[in-house]
Structures are given as structure tokens and as C-alpha cells.
Amino acid sequence: MVNYIMSTESFNRTSEIAETPSPYSESKRVDVDVLKQRLLEETKKEKKKRTIILYTVLASLGALTILTY
């Protein structure tokens, strides 16, 4: 009896997933400008992250240098 209940629950979940199609499957075309914009935003985030890390390291080294003298 337990196996029967569990098997119908898994069937219901898979049927719900199959009924809601992904928005990406409807259109096979990809807008290149959108991809370029995403890449540009990602590059900006990475650059900002690198500069924050660099300045943090430099500030730490500066603070350690001041504290040692």
C-alpha cells in the first residue's frame, strides 16, 4: 500500500513538470545583444570584485607596515 501511494506521488510530480514548459524551449533563437550585455555585466562584476580584493590586500599590508614600526 505504501509503495502504491509513493509511486502515484512521483507520477503526479513528473506530470506537473511536463505540463509547464520552459520559456526557453519555445524559441530556438538567441538574441546576441542580450548575451553581450550579460557578458559585459558579468565582466564588470568580476572587475569590481578583483579591485576590492586588491585594495583590501594593499590596505592590510599598509596597516601591518604601520603597526610594525
Protein backbone atom coordinates (compact mmCIF):
# COMPACT_ATOMS: atom_id res chain seq x y z
CA MET A 1 0.00 0.00 0.00
CA VAL A 2 2.85 2.41 0.83
CA ASN A 3 4.61 1.72 -2.47
CA TYR A 4 1.41 2.45 -4.36
CA ILE A 5 1.00 5.85 -2.68
CA MET A 6 4.60 6.82 -3.25
CA SER A 7 4.53 5.80 -6.90
CA THR A 8 1.47 7.95 -7.60
CA GLU A 9 3.09 10.91 -5.83
CA SER A 10 6.14 10.71 -8.04
CA PHE A 11 3.92 10.39 -11.10
CA ASN A 12 1.99 13.50 -10.11
CA ARG A 13 5.19 15.49 -9.70
CA THR A 14 6.52 14.48 -13.10
CA SER A 15 3.22 15.23 -14.80
CA GLU A 16 3.23 18.75 -13.27
CA ILE A 17 6.72 19.36 -14.57
CA ALA A 18 5.78 18.15 -18.04
CA GLU A 19 2.74 20.43 -18.16
CA THR A 20 4.73 23.61 -17.53
CA PRO A 21 7.14 24.04 -20.45
CA SER A 22 10.27 26.08 -20.09
CA PRO A 23 10.18 29.57 -21.65
CA TYR A 24 13.49 28.80 -23.33
CA SER A 25 12.14 25.82 -25.26
CA GLU A 26 9.57 27.92 -27.11
CA SER A 27 12.10 29.99 -29.01
CA LYS A 28 15.20 28.49 -30.58
CA ARG A 29 16.68 31.91 -31.44
CA VAL A 30 19.01 33.74 -29.12
CA ASP A 31 19.47 37.50 -29.16
CA VAL A 32 23.18 38.21 -29.44
CA ASP A 33 22.83 41.68 -27.92
CA VAL A 34 21.31 40.20 -24.77
CA LEU A 35 24.20 37.74 -24.47
CA LYS A 36 26.74 40.53 -24.99
CA GLN A 37 25.04 42.63 -22.32
CA ARG A 38 25.11 39.70 -19.87
CA LEU A 39 28.78 39.11 -20.61
CA LEU A 40 29.53 42.80 -20.11
CA GLU A 41 27.71 42.87 -16.77
CA GLU A 42 29.50 39.72 -15.63
CA THR A 43 32.85 41.18 -16.63
CA LYS A 44 32.10 44.38 -14.69
CA LYS A 45 31.21 42.36 -11.59
CA GLU A 46 34.43 40.34 -11.83
CA LYS A 47 36.50 43.50 -12.30
CA LYS A 48 34.87 45.18 -9.31
CA LYS A 49 35.45 42.06 -7.23
CA ARG A 50 39.13 41.93 -8.21
CA THR A 51 39.68 45.61 -7.39
CA ILE A 52 38.02 45.25 -3.99
CA ILE A 53 40.25 42.28 -3.18
CA LEU A 54 43.35 44.12 -4.39
CA TYR A 55 42.62 47.23 -2.33
CA THR A 56 41.82 45.12 0.72
CA VAL A 57 45.17 43.35 0.42
CA LEU A 58 47.01 46.64 -0.08
CA ALA A 59 45.25 48.24 2.88
CA SER A 60 46.06 45.23 5.05
CA LEU A 61 49.72 45.37 4.07
CA GLY A 62 49.78 49.10 4.74
CA ALA A 63 48.20 48.65 8.16
CA LEU A 64 50.65 45.88 9.05
CA THR A 65 53.56 48.03 7.93
CA ILE A 66 52.40 50.95 10.07
CA LEU A 67 51.81 48.72 13.09
CA THR A 68 55.25 47.13 12.91
CA TYR A 69 57.09 50.50 13.06
